Amino acid sequence: LLPRDAAIYTARLPGVVARVTGRGLDSRIQGYLAALPEVALSFGGMPLDAICLMHTGCSYVVGAEGEAGLREALGQAGAAHAFTAAGAVEATLAALGCRRLALVLPYPEWLCEAAVAYWEGRGLTIAGVEKPRDVVSIYEITPESVIEATHRLDLDAADAVLLSGTGPPTLRTLAASAPPS
């Protein structure tokens, strides 16, 4: 999904993910936020064009008003551009003229509420929220359960659907949910 001349370097945020995704998630996200400046510096002066925090949950927890602070922490890597996954999604939605957003969220209720507040704080209207059923581990969610959650949304009420979360399989969901051309 990237241009041929793009190279990706990664650093993992510290923390142990429990099999039950919601267990310890709040403290793990707080740990991610505390470690962000150090992790950004771990690239050791590599000439990075951009650096991105690919964890929407961090943006949801700090809220729309805290997004700039995340970019500032990332900026310590010295990259020309610092952004978050949530910020990139927001920019894409704005470029497409999307104002009404439907969400598929695999999170515990408190993080779903934070996600809704985040997107509303970015000026979007939430047209619906659905969760895949019976989520224990975010990394064990099937494409079928994400597709089923997407189909429970009123797609006519939304300009776009956001499948949020790092673990759920989304490419097959996108292909299965796309309108016929």
C-alpha atoms as a PDB file:
ATOM      1  CA  LEU A   1       0.000   0.000   0.000  1.00  0.00           C
ATOM      2  CA  LEU A   2       3.074   2.259  -0.145  1.00  0.00           C
ATOM      3  CA  PRO A   3       5.082   3.768  -2.980  1.00  0.00           C
ATOM      4  CA  ARG A   4       8.004   1.602  -4.141  1.00  0.00           C
ATOM      5  CA  ASP A   5      10.619   4.092  -2.927  1.00  0.00           C
ATOM      6  CA  ALA A   6       9.255   4.285   0.629  1.00  0.00           C
ATOM      7  CA  ALA A   7      11.216   2.653   3.428  1.00  0.00           C
ATOM      8  CA  ILE A   8       9.628   2.014   6.789  1.00  0.00           C
ATOM      9  CA  TYR A   9      11.488   1.867  10.073  1.00  0.00           C
ATOM     10  CA  THR A  10       9.585   0.928  13.196  1.00  0.00           C
ATOM     11  CA  ALA A  11       9.959   1.122  16.946  1.00  0.00           C
ATOM     12  CA  ARG A  12       7.635  -0.643  19.327  1.00  0.00           C
ATOM     13  CA  LEU A  13       6.099   1.177  22.229  1.00  0.00           C
ATOM     14  CA  PRO A  14       6.874  -0.608  25.514  1.00  0.00           C
ATOM     15  CA  GLY A  15       4.270  -2.758  27.159  1.00  0.00           C
ATOM     16  CA  VAL A  16       2.822  -6.221  27.261  1.00  0.00           C
ATOM     17  CA  VAL A  17      -0.493  -6.859  25.555  1.00  0.00           C
ATOM     18  CA  ALA A  18      -2.728  -9.212  27.503  1.00  0.00           C
ATOM     19  CA  ARG A  19      -4.704 -11.743  25.478  1.00  0.00           C
ATOM     20  CA  VAL A  20      -7.853 -10.098  26.820  1.00  0.00           C
ATOM     21  CA  THR A  21      -7.434  -6.826  24.958  1.00  0.00           C
ATOM     22  CA  GLY A  22      -9.215  -4.605  27.471  1.00  0.00           C
ATOM     23  CA  ARG A  23      -7.221  -5.892  30.449  1.00  0.00           C
ATOM     24  CA  GLY A  24      -4.630  -3.272  31.369  1.00  0.00           C
ATOM     25  CA  LEU A  25      -5.293  -1.265  28.213  1.00  0.00           C
ATOM     26  CA  ASP A  26      -5.723   2.010  30.075  1.00  0.00           C
ATOM     27  CA  SER A  27      -2.384   1.710  31.882  1.00  0.00           C
ATOM     28  CA  ARG A  28      -0.682   0.436  28.721  1.00  0.00           C
ATOM     29  CA  ILE A  29      -1.830   3.521  26.780  1.00  0.00           C
ATOM     30  CA  GLN A  30      -0.605   5.767  29.597  1.00  0.00           C
ATOM     31  CA  GLY A  31       2.749   3.966  29.369  1.00  0.00           C
ATOM     32  CA  TYR A  32       2.830   4.536  25.609  1.00  0.00           C
ATOM     33  CA  LEU A  33       2.198   8.237  26.105  1.00  0.00           C
ATOM     34  CA  ALA A  34       4.922   8.522  28.751  1.00  0.00           C
ATOM     35  CA  ALA A  35       7.443   6.649  26.580  1.00  0.00           C
ATOM     36  CA  LEU A  36       6.679   8.480  23.328  1.00  0.00           C
ATOM     37  CA  PRO A  37       9.533  11.043  23.491  1.00  0.00           C
ATOM     38  CA  GLU A  38      12.096   8.321  24.297  1.00  0.00           C
ATOM     39  CA  VAL A  39      10.785   6.037  21.553  1.00  0.00           C
ATOM     40  CA  ALA A  40      10.952   8.922  19.055  1.00  0.00           C
ATOM     41  CA  LEU A  41      14.574   9.498  20.024  1.00  0.00           C
ATOM     42  CA  SER A  42      15.350   5.777  19.580  1.00  0.00           C
ATOM     43  CA  PHE A  43      15.722   6.313  15.826  1.00  0.00           C
ATOM     44  CA  GLY A  44      19.118   7.747  16.723  1.00  0.00           C
ATOM     45  CA  GLY A  45      19.282  10.639  14.319  1.00  0.00           C
ATOM     46  CA  MET A  46      18.236   8.659  11.230  1.00  0.00           C
ATOM     47  CA  PRO A  47      17.312  11.106   8.446  1.00  0.00           C
ATOM     48  CA  LEU A  48      13.552  10.554   8.657  1.00  0.00           C
ATOM     49  CA  ASP A  49      11.178  12.385   6.334  1.00  0.00           C
ATOM     50  CA  ALA A  50       8.239  11.617   8.610  1.00  0.00           C
ATOM     51  CA  ILE A  51       7.369   9.929  11.861  1.00  0.00           C
ATOM     52  CA  CYS A  52       3.911   8.682  12.778  1.00  0.00           C
ATOM     53  CA  LEU A  53       2.323   7.281  15.913  1.00  0.00           C
ATOM     54  CA  MET A  54       0.253   4.412  14.547  1.00  0.00           C
ATOM     55  CA  HIS A  55      -1.980   3.977  17.601  1.00  0.00           C
ATOM     56  CA  THR A  56      -5.321   5.757  17.414  1.00  0.00           C
ATOM     57  CA  GLY A  57      -6.075   4.825  21.027  1.00  0.00           C
ATOM     58  CA  CYS A  58      -3.388   7.262  22.207  1.00  0.00           C
ATOM     59  CA  SER A  59      -5.087  10.076  20.278  1.00  0.00           C
ATOM     60  CA  TYR A  60      -8.465   9.064  21.650  1.00  0.00           C
ATOM     61  CA  VAL A  61      -7.167   9.157  25.235  1.00  0.00           C
ATOM     62  CA  VAL A  62      -5.503  12.582  24.957  1.00  0.00           C
ATOM     63  CA  GLY A  63      -8.499  13.910  23.028  1.00  0.00           C
ATOM     64  CA  ALA A  64      -8.680  16.318  20.137  1.00  0.00           C
ATOM     65  CA  GLU A  65      -7.038  19.020  22.257  1.00  0.00           C
ATOM     66  CA  GLY A  66      -4.033  16.781  23.048  1.00  0.00           C
ATOM     67  CA  GLU A  67      -3.178  15.829  19.460  1.00  0.00           C
ATOM     68  CA  ALA A  68      -0.609  18.637  19.078  1.00  0.00           C
ATOM     69  CA  GLY A  69       1.247  17.346  22.145  1.00  0.00           C
ATOM     70  CA  LEU A  70       1.568  13.916  20.547  1.00  0.00           C
ATOM     71  CA  ARG A  71       3.062  15.466  17.412  1.00  0.00           C
ATOM     72  CA  GLU A  72       5.430  17.513  19.565  1.00  0.00           C
ATOM     73  CA  ALA A  73       6.659  14.375  21.360  1.00  0.00           C
ATOM     74  CA  LEU A  74       7.155  12.633  18.017  1.00  0.00           C
ATOM     75  CA  GLY A  75       9.007  15.675  16.689  1.00  0.00           C
ATOM     76  CA  GLN A  76      11.896  14.866  18.989  1.00  0.00           C
ATOM     77  CA  ALA A  77      12.988  12.324  16.358  1.00  0.00           C
ATOM     78  CA  GLY A  78      13.970  15.245  14.134  1.00  0.00           C
ATOM     79  CA  ALA A  79      11.733  14.202  11.232  1.00  0.00           C
ATOM     80  CA  ALA A  80      10.487  16.879   8.869  1.00  0.00           C
ATOM     81  CA  HIS A  81       6.887  15.792   9.520  1.00  0.00           C
ATOM     82  CA  ALA A  82       5.335  14.345  12.668  1.00  0.00           C
ATOM     83  CA  PHE A  83       1.793  13.053  12.676  1.00  0.00           C
ATOM     84  CA  THR A  84      -0.535  10.502  14.212  1.00  0.00           C
ATOM     85  CA  ALA A  85      -2.670   7.841  12.583  1.00  0.00           C
ATOM     86  CA  ALA A  86      -5.789   9.625  13.823  1.00  0.00           C
ATOM     87  CA  GLY A  87      -4.505  12.934  12.433  1.00  0.00           C
ATOM     88  CA  ALA A  88      -3.790  11.296   9.066  1.00  0.00           C
ATOM     89  CA  VAL A  89      -7.306   9.841   8.995  1.00  0.00           C
ATOM     90  CA  GLU A  90      -8.733  13.249   9.853  1.00  0.00           C
ATOM     91  CA  ALA A  91      -6.756  14.917   7.031  1.00  0.00           C
ATOM     92  CA  THR A  92      -7.956  12.282   4.575  1.00  0.00           C
ATOM     93  CA  LEU A  93     -11.585  12.690   5.665  1.00  0.00           C
ATOM     94  CA  ALA A  94     -11.290  16.475   5.312  1.00  0.00           C
ATOM     95  CA  ALA A  95      -9.756  16.149   1.830  1.00  0.00           C
ATOM     96  CA  LEU A  96     -12.684  13.933   0.817  1.00  0.00           C
ATOM     97  CA  GLY A  97     -15.230  16.343   2.298  1.00  0.00           C
ATOM     98  CA  CYS A  98     -16.485  13.815   4.846  1.00  0.00           C
ATOM     99  CA  ARG A  99     -18.397  15.303   7.767  1.00  0.00           C
ATOM    100  CA  ARG A 100     -20.453  12.306   8.976  1.00  0.00           C
ATOM    101  CA  LEU A 101     -18.436   9.360  10.252  1.00  0.00           C
ATOM    102  CA  ALA A 102     -19.538   5.854  11.210  1.00  0.00           C
ATOM    103  CA  LEU A 103     -17.198   3.887  13.453  1.00  0.00           C
ATOM    104  CA  VAL A 104     -16.392   0.203  13.894  1.00  0.00           C
ATOM    105  CA  LEU A 105     -14.516  -0.020  17.196  1.00  0.00           C
ATOM    106  CA  PRO A 106     -13.079  -3.180  18.819  1.00  0.00           C
ATOM    107  CA  TYR A 107     -12.420  -1.478  22.155  1.00  0.00           C
ATOM    108  CA  PRO A 108     -13.749  -1.572  25.710  1.00  0.00           C
ATOM    109  CA  GLU A 109     -16.614   0.847  26.285  1.00  0.00           C
ATOM    110  CA  TRP A 110     -14.461   3.581  27.898  1.00  0.00           C
ATOM    111  CA  LEU A 111     -12.182   3.734  24.848  1.00  0.00           C
ATOM    112  CA  CYS A 112     -15.180   3.698  22.477  1.00  0.00           C
ATOM    113  CA  GLU A 113     -16.518   6.731  24.341  1.00  0.00           C
ATOM    114  CA  ALA A 114     -13.104   8.424  24.054  1.00  0.00           C
ATOM    115  CA  ALA A 115     -13.027   7.660  20.310  1.00  0.00           C
ATOM    116  CA  VAL A 116     -16.449   9.226  19.767  1.00  0.00           C
ATOM    117  CA  ALA A 117     -15.429  12.293  21.803  1.00  0.00           C
ATOM    118  CA  TYR A 118     -12.183  12.578  19.815  1.00  0.00           C
ATOM    119  CA  TRP A 119     -13.899  12.579  16.421  1.00  0.00           C
ATOM    120  CA  GLU A 120     -16.632  14.934  17.604  1.00  0.00           C
ATOM    121  CA  GLY A 121     -13.874  17.187  18.961  1.00  0.00           C
ATOM    122  CA  ARG A 122     -12.393  17.214  15.461  1.00  0.00           C
ATOM    123  CA  GLY A 123     -15.705  18.547  14.141  1.00  0.00           C
ATOM    124  CA  LEU A 124     -17.200  15.337  12.757  1.00  0.00           C
ATOM    125  CA  THR A 125     -20.731  14.079  13.340  1.00  0.00           C
ATOM    126  CA  ILE A 126     -20.835  10.454  14.465  1.00  0.00           C
ATOM    127  CA  ALA A 127     -23.422   8.673  12.337  1.00  0.00           C
ATOM    128  CA  GLY A 128     -23.180   5.344  14.166  1.00  0.00           C
ATOM    129  CA  VAL A 129     -20.930   3.107  16.232  1.00  0.00           C
ATOM    130  CA  GLU A 130     -20.725  -0.669  16.084  1.00  0.00           C
ATOM    131  CA  LYS A 131     -18.401  -3.187  17.679  1.00  0.00           C
ATOM    132  CA  PRO A 132     -17.448  -6.634  16.430  1.00  0.00           C
ATOM    133  CA  ARG A 133     -19.256  -9.131  18.628  1.00  0.00           C
ATOM    134  CA  ASP A 134     -17.576 -11.181  21.345  1.00  0.00           C
ATOM    135  CA  VAL A 135     -14.172  -9.482  21.233  1.00  0.00           C
ATOM    136  CA  VAL A 136     -11.741 -11.059  23.663  1.00  0.00           C
ATOM    137  CA  SER A 137      -8.475 -10.382  21.862  1.00  0.00           C
ATOM    138  CA  ILE A 138      -8.214  -7.653  19.257  1.00  0.00           C
ATOM    139  CA  TYR A 139      -5.717  -9.861  17.423  1.00  0.00           C
ATOM    140  CA  GLU A 140      -8.204 -12.720  17.083  1.00  0.00           C
ATOM    141  CA  ILE A 141     -11.021 -10.731  15.477  1.00  0.00           C
ATOM    142  CA  THR A 142     -12.041 -12.303  12.189  1.00  0.00           C
ATOM    143  CA  PRO A 143     -12.683 -10.418   8.967  1.00  0.00           C
ATOM    144  CA  GLU A 144     -16.221 -11.808   9.052  1.00  0.00           C
ATOM    145  CA  SER A 145     -16.948 -10.202  12.431  1.00  0.00           C
ATOM    146  CA  VAL A 146     -15.662  -6.828  11.224  1.00  0.00           C
ATOM    147  CA  ILE A 147     -17.742  -7.148   8.047  1.00  0.00           C
ATOM    148  CA  GLU A 148     -20.807  -8.074  10.136  1.00  0.00           C
ATOM    149  CA  ALA A 149     -20.301  -5.030  12.405  1.00  0.00           C
ATOM    150  CA  THR A 150     -19.955  -2.805   9.332  1.00  0.00           C
ATOM    151  CA  HIS A 151     -23.192  -4.175   7.904  1.00  0.00           C
ATOM    152  CA  ARG A 152     -25.056  -3.235  11.103  1.00  0.00           C
ATOM    153  CA  LEU A 153     -24.288   0.448  10.414  1.00  0.00           C
ATOM    154  CA  ASP A 154     -26.657   2.731   8.536  1.00  0.00           C
ATOM    155  CA  LEU A 155     -24.228   3.455   5.710  1.00  0.00           C
ATOM    156  CA  ASP A 156     -26.590   5.993   4.140  1.00  0.00           C
ATOM    157  CA  ALA A 157     -26.184   8.180   7.246  1.00  0.00           C
ATOM    158  CA  ALA A 158     -22.384   8.366   6.920  1.00  0.00           C
ATOM    159  CA  ASP A 159     -19.949   9.890   4.460  1.00  0.00           C
ATOM    160  CA  ALA A 160     -17.292   7.392   5.553  1.00  0.00           C
ATOM    161  CA  VAL A 161     -16.760   4.374   7.792  1.00  0.00           C
ATOM    162  CA  LEU A 162     -13.669   4.171   9.988  1.00  0.00           C
ATOM    163  CA  LEU A 163     -12.481   0.706  10.974  1.00  0.00           C
ATOM    164  CA  SER A 164     -10.380   1.664  13.987  1.00  0.00           C
ATOM    165  CA  GLY A 165      -7.883  -0.509  15.857  1.00  0.00           C
ATOM    166  CA  THR A 166      -4.523  -2.012  14.999  1.00  0.00           C
ATOM    167  CA  GLY A 167      -5.438  -5.661  15.347  1.00  0.00           C
ATOM    168  CA  PRO A 168      -8.609  -6.273  13.356  1.00  0.00           C
ATOM    169  CA  PRO A 169      -8.216  -7.427   9.758  1.00  0.00           C
ATOM    170  CA  THR A 170      -9.528  -4.620   7.589  1.00  0.00           C
ATOM    171  CA  LEU A 171      -8.418  -5.113   3.971  1.00  0.00           C
ATOM    172  CA  ARG A 172     -10.866  -7.963   3.369  1.00  0.00           C
ATOM    173  CA  THR A 173     -13.548  -5.907   5.134  1.00  0.00           C
ATOM    174  CA  LEU A 174     -12.924  -2.982   2.805  1.00  0.00           C
ATOM    175  CA  ALA A 175     -13.164  -5.188  -0.262  1.00  0.00           C
ATOM    176  CA  ALA A 176     -16.346  -6.883   1.001  1.00  0.00           C
ATOM    177  CA  SER A 177     -18.018  -3.618   1.988  1.00  0.00           C
ATOM    178  CA  ALA A 178     -17.211  -1.512  -1.064  1.00  0.00           C
ATOM    179  CA  PRO A 179     -20.188  -0.641  -3.239  1.00  0.00           C
ATOM    180  CA  PRO A 180     -20.151  -2.256  -6.684  1.00  0.00           C
ATOM    181  CA  SER A 181     -18.487  -0.087  -9.303  1.00  0.00           C
END
